[in-house]
Amino acid sequence: MPTQISTMLAVSDPPAAIDFYKRAFGAELLWQIGDPAGVAGMSIDGARFFLADENPPSTRSPERAGHTTIRIELFVDDPHAVYENAVAAGAHPRNPVTEHTHATVGSTPALRMLQGSVLDPFGHVWLIGKFLTVV
């Protein structure tokens, strides 16, 4: 199996988070441990991520910690539609989807992309975008 990297999001209410990610991003529940879920594996178009019930003091959700230290990058074919769907499902809009150009170092051309961001109900920041320049 090739090496993979994924994220496990600490959330205050795993069943509510499962429901939100299904509605907001079309996520699929792959498995869960516990009933109600304490840990769950999910996938968005084959990209896997995990949820875990917070367990203070070692694992705290962004809600309890008062901040988040990561941004989740979700690259999709239609960032405008995914952004609007996430907001309709209960995410808080942060930045609308707009076009950005980023200078790069070396011979790589400048990167053009569409990107916006939302804050999910559990305190996690999701950047929703699409590369317009092939990387």
C-alpha atoms as a PDB file:
ATOM      1  CA  MET A   1       0.000   0.000   0.000  1.00  0.00           C
ATOM      2  CA  PRO A   2       1.391   3.444  -0.828  1.00  0.00           C
ATOM      3  CA  THR A   3       1.951   5.882   2.011  1.00  0.00           C
ATOM      4  CA  GLN A   4      -1.084   8.040   2.682  1.00  0.00           C
ATOM      5  CA  ILE A   5      -1.654  11.080   4.833  1.00  0.00           C
ATOM      6  CA  SER A   6      -5.009  12.003   6.281  1.00  0.00           C
ATOM      7  CA  THR A   7      -6.537  14.093   9.015  1.00  0.00           C
ATOM      8  CA  MET A   8      -8.523  13.107  12.086  1.00  0.00           C
ATOM      9  CA  LEU A   9     -10.811  15.954  13.106  1.00  0.00           C
ATOM     10  CA  ALA A  10     -11.662  16.300  16.790  1.00  0.00           C
ATOM     11  CA  VAL A  11     -15.351  17.170  17.082  1.00  0.00           C
ATOM     12  CA  SER A  12     -17.683  17.773  20.009  1.00  0.00           C
ATOM     13  CA  ASP A  13     -20.548  15.713  18.548  1.00  0.00           C
ATOM     14  CA  PRO A  14     -19.495  12.945  16.112  1.00  0.00           C
ATOM     15  CA  PRO A  15     -23.052  11.963  15.030  1.00  0.00           C
ATOM     16  CA  ALA A  16     -23.864  15.608  14.202  1.00  0.00           C
ATOM     17  CA  ALA A  17     -20.516  15.967  12.411  1.00  0.00           C
ATOM     18  CA  ILE A  18     -21.189  12.849  10.320  1.00  0.00           C
ATOM     19  CA  ASP A  19     -24.558  14.289   9.323  1.00  0.00           C
ATOM     20  CA  PHE A  20     -23.069  17.714   8.521  1.00  0.00           C
ATOM     21  CA  TYR A  21     -20.219  16.363   6.350  1.00  0.00           C
ATOM     22  CA  LYS A  22     -22.679  14.184   4.431  1.00  0.00           C
ATOM     23  CA  ARG A  23     -24.954  17.160   3.725  1.00  0.00           C
ATOM     24  CA  ALA A  24     -22.250  19.795   3.182  1.00  0.00           C
ATOM     25  CA  PHE A  25     -19.709  17.870   1.113  1.00  0.00           C
ATOM     26  CA  GLY A  26     -21.476  14.689   0.005  1.00  0.00           C
ATOM     27  CA  ALA A  27     -19.228  12.659   2.324  1.00  0.00           C
ATOM     28  CA  GLU A  28     -19.759   8.932   2.721  1.00  0.00           C
ATOM     29  CA  LEU A  29     -19.583   7.190   6.094  1.00  0.00           C
ATOM     30  CA  LEU A  30     -17.133   4.284   5.686  1.00  0.00           C
ATOM     31  CA  TRP A  31     -17.260   2.945   9.249  1.00  0.00           C
ATOM     32  CA  GLN A  32     -17.830   4.013  12.819  1.00  0.00           C
ATOM     33  CA  ILE A  33     -16.758   2.774  16.226  1.00  0.00           C
ATOM     34  CA  GLY A  34     -19.422   3.010  18.898  1.00  0.00           C
ATOM     35  CA  ASP A  35     -23.107   3.765  18.764  1.00  0.00           C
ATOM     36  CA  PRO A  36     -23.377   6.677  18.795  1.00  0.00           C
ATOM     37  CA  ALA A  37     -20.106   7.062  16.916  1.00  0.00           C
ATOM     38  CA  GLY A  38     -16.995   7.978  18.883  1.00  0.00           C
ATOM     39  CA  VAL A  39     -14.658   7.564  15.911  1.00  0.00           C
ATOM     40  CA  ALA A  40     -15.643   7.445  12.247  1.00  0.00           C
ATOM     41  CA  GLY A  41     -14.004   7.044   8.867  1.00  0.00           C
ATOM     42  CA  MET A  42     -15.430   9.138   6.037  1.00  0.00           C
ATOM     43  CA  SER A  43     -14.656   9.827   2.393  1.00  0.00           C
ATOM     44  CA  ILE A  44     -15.323  12.659  -0.047  1.00  0.00           C
ATOM     45  CA  ASP A  45     -14.930  11.300  -3.595  1.00  0.00           C
ATOM     46  CA  GLY A  46     -12.378   8.764  -2.354  1.00  0.00           C
ATOM     47  CA  ALA A  47     -10.400  11.226  -0.191  1.00  0.00           C
ATOM     48  CA  ARG A  48     -10.515   9.736   3.298  1.00  0.00           C
ATOM     49  CA  PHE A  49     -10.635  11.602   6.584  1.00  0.00           C
ATOM     50  CA  PHE A  50     -11.567  10.677  10.117  1.00  0.00           C
ATOM     51  CA  LEU A  51     -13.563  12.094  13.027  1.00  0.00           C
ATOM     52  CA  ALA A  52     -13.032  11.498  16.715  1.00  0.00           C
ATOM     53  CA  ASP A  53     -14.956  12.618  19.758  1.00  0.00           C
ATOM     54  CA  GLU A  54     -12.873  15.109  21.695  1.00  0.00           C
ATOM     55  CA  ASN A  55     -11.171  13.722  24.791  1.00  0.00           C
ATOM     56  CA  PRO A  56      -9.899  16.626  26.933  1.00  0.00           C
ATOM     57  CA  PRO A  57      -7.309  17.431  27.968  1.00  0.00           C
ATOM     58  CA  SER A  58      -5.316  15.529  25.311  1.00  0.00           C
ATOM     59  CA  THR A  59      -7.641  16.000  22.337  1.00  0.00           C
ATOM     60  CA  ARG A  60      -9.825  19.082  22.132  1.00  0.00           C
ATOM     61  CA  SER A  61     -12.054  20.263  19.332  1.00  0.00           C
ATOM     62  CA  PRO A  62     -11.446  23.760  17.946  1.00  0.00           C
ATOM     63  CA  GLU A  63     -14.665  24.796  19.724  1.00  0.00           C
ATOM     64  CA  ARG A  64     -13.215  23.875  23.128  1.00  0.00           C
ATOM     65  CA  ALA A  65      -9.668  25.048  22.322  1.00  0.00           C
ATOM     66  CA  GLY A  66     -10.943  28.384  20.995  1.00  0.00           C
ATOM     67  CA  HIS A  67      -8.986  28.117  17.727  1.00  0.00           C
ATOM     68  CA  THR A  68      -7.894  25.746  14.991  1.00  0.00           C
ATOM     69  CA  THR A  69      -4.344  25.119  13.813  1.00  0.00           C
ATOM     70  CA  ILE A  70      -5.060  23.552  10.421  1.00  0.00           C
ATOM     71  CA  ARG A  71      -6.914  24.382   7.239  1.00  0.00           C
ATOM     72  CA  ILE A  72      -8.479  21.554   5.282  1.00  0.00           C
ATOM     73  CA  GLU A  73      -8.035  21.974   1.521  1.00  0.00           C
ATOM     74  CA  LEU A  74     -10.863  20.459  -0.527  1.00  0.00           C
ATOM     75  CA  PHE A  75     -10.244  20.531  -4.294  1.00  0.00           C
ATOM     76  CA  VAL A  76     -13.367  19.944  -6.387  1.00  0.00           C
ATOM     77  CA  ASP A  77     -14.668  20.463  -9.926  1.00  0.00           C
ATOM     78  CA  ASP A  78     -17.201  23.133  -8.914  1.00  0.00           C
ATOM     79  CA  PRO A  79     -16.016  25.105  -5.865  1.00  0.00           C
ATOM     80  CA  HIS A  80     -18.899  27.592  -6.132  1.00  0.00           C
ATOM     81  CA  ALA A  81     -21.508  24.812  -5.806  1.00  0.00           C
ATOM     82  CA  VAL A  82     -19.675  23.037  -2.957  1.00  0.00           C
ATOM     83  CA  TYR A  83     -19.206  26.344  -1.089  1.00  0.00           C
ATOM     84  CA  GLU A  84     -22.915  27.215  -1.409  1.00  0.00           C
ATOM     85  CA  ASN A  85     -23.935  23.691  -0.382  1.00  0.00           C
ATOM     86  CA  ALA A  86     -21.700  23.845   2.706  1.00  0.00           C
ATOM     87  CA  VAL A  87     -23.199  27.193   3.739  1.00  0.00           C
ATOM     88  CA  ALA A  88     -26.729  25.858   3.174  1.00  0.00           C
ATOM     89  CA  ALA A  89     -25.845  22.861   5.396  1.00  0.00           C
ATOM     90  CA  GLY A  90     -24.783  25.162   8.258  1.00  0.00           C
ATOM     91  CA  ALA A  91     -21.173  26.204   7.603  1.00  0.00           C
ATOM     92  CA  HIS A  92     -20.299  29.828   8.315  1.00  0.00           C
ATOM     93  CA  PRO A  93     -19.027  31.687   5.233  1.00  0.00           C
ATOM     94  CA  ARG A  94     -15.531  33.151   5.646  1.00  0.00           C
ATOM     95  CA  ASN A  95     -14.406  34.094   2.135  1.00  0.00           C
ATOM     96  CA  PRO A  96     -16.479  33.705  -1.030  1.00  0.00           C
ATOM     97  CA  VAL A  97     -15.013  31.730  -3.927  1.00  0.00           C
ATOM     98  CA  THR A  98     -12.894  34.077  -6.052  1.00  0.00           C
ATOM     99  CA  GLU A  99      -9.988  33.730  -8.462  1.00  0.00           C
ATOM    100  CA  HIS A 100      -6.479  34.057  -7.018  1.00  0.00           C
ATOM    101  CA  THR A 101      -3.072  34.185  -8.696  1.00  0.00           C
ATOM    102  CA  HIS A 102      -0.018  33.168  -6.670  1.00  0.00           C
ATOM    103  CA  ALA A 103       3.573  33.773  -7.768  1.00  0.00           C
ATOM    104  CA  THR A 104       5.811  30.734  -7.481  1.00  0.00           C
ATOM    105  CA  VAL A 105       9.556  30.260  -7.099  1.00  0.00           C
ATOM    106  CA  GLY A 106      11.680  28.900  -9.952  1.00  0.00           C
ATOM    107  CA  SER A 107      10.471  27.798 -13.360  1.00  0.00           C
ATOM    108  CA  THR A 108       6.969  26.799 -12.242  1.00  0.00           C
ATOM    109  CA  PRO A 109       4.390  29.179 -13.722  1.00  0.00           C
ATOM    110  CA  ALA A 110       2.212  31.295 -11.477  1.00  0.00           C
ATOM    111  CA  LEU A 111      -0.653  29.329  -9.987  1.00  0.00           C
ATOM    112  CA  ARG A 112      -4.194  30.409 -10.740  1.00  0.00           C
ATOM    113  CA  MET A 113      -7.026  29.002  -8.708  1.00  0.00           C
ATOM    114  CA  LEU A 114     -10.566  29.514  -7.531  1.00  0.00           C
ATOM    115  CA  GLN A 115     -10.848  29.358  -3.756  1.00  0.00           C
ATOM    116  CA  GLY A 116     -13.175  30.266  -0.912  1.00  0.00           C
ATOM    117  CA  SER A 117     -13.458  29.178   2.706  1.00  0.00           C
ATOM    118  CA  VAL A 118     -16.032  28.208   5.305  1.00  0.00           C
ATOM    119  CA  LEU A 119     -15.940  27.457   9.017  1.00  0.00           C
ATOM    120  CA  ASP A 120     -17.807  24.256   9.808  1.00  0.00           C
ATOM    121  CA  PRO A 121     -20.077  24.024  12.878  1.00  0.00           C
ATOM    122  CA  PHE A 122     -17.305  22.191  14.762  1.00  0.00           C
ATOM    123  CA  GLY A 123     -14.665  24.912  14.326  1.00  0.00           C
ATOM    124  CA  HIS A 124     -12.702  23.502  11.365  1.00  0.00           C
ATOM    125  CA  VAL A 125     -11.740  25.758   8.437  1.00  0.00           C
ATOM    126  CA  TRP A 126     -12.349  24.285   4.974  1.00  0.00           C
ATOM    127  CA  LEU A 127     -10.785  25.922   1.918  1.00  0.00           C
ATOM    128  CA  ILE A 128     -12.774  24.913  -1.152  1.00  0.00           C
ATOM    129  CA  GLY A 129     -11.047  25.384  -4.460  1.00  0.00           C
ATOM    130  CA  LYS A 130      -9.948  24.324  -7.899  1.00  0.00           C
ATOM    131  CA  PHE A 131      -6.641  24.831  -9.708  1.00  0.00           C
ATOM    132  CA  LEU A 132      -7.044  26.745 -12.968  1.00  0.00           C
ATOM    133  CA  THR A 133      -3.350  26.277 -13.804  1.00  0.00           C
ATOM    134  CA  VAL A 134      -2.174  22.669 -13.959  1.00  0.00           C
ATOM    135  CA  VAL A 135       0.250  21.888 -11.139  1.00  0.00           C
END
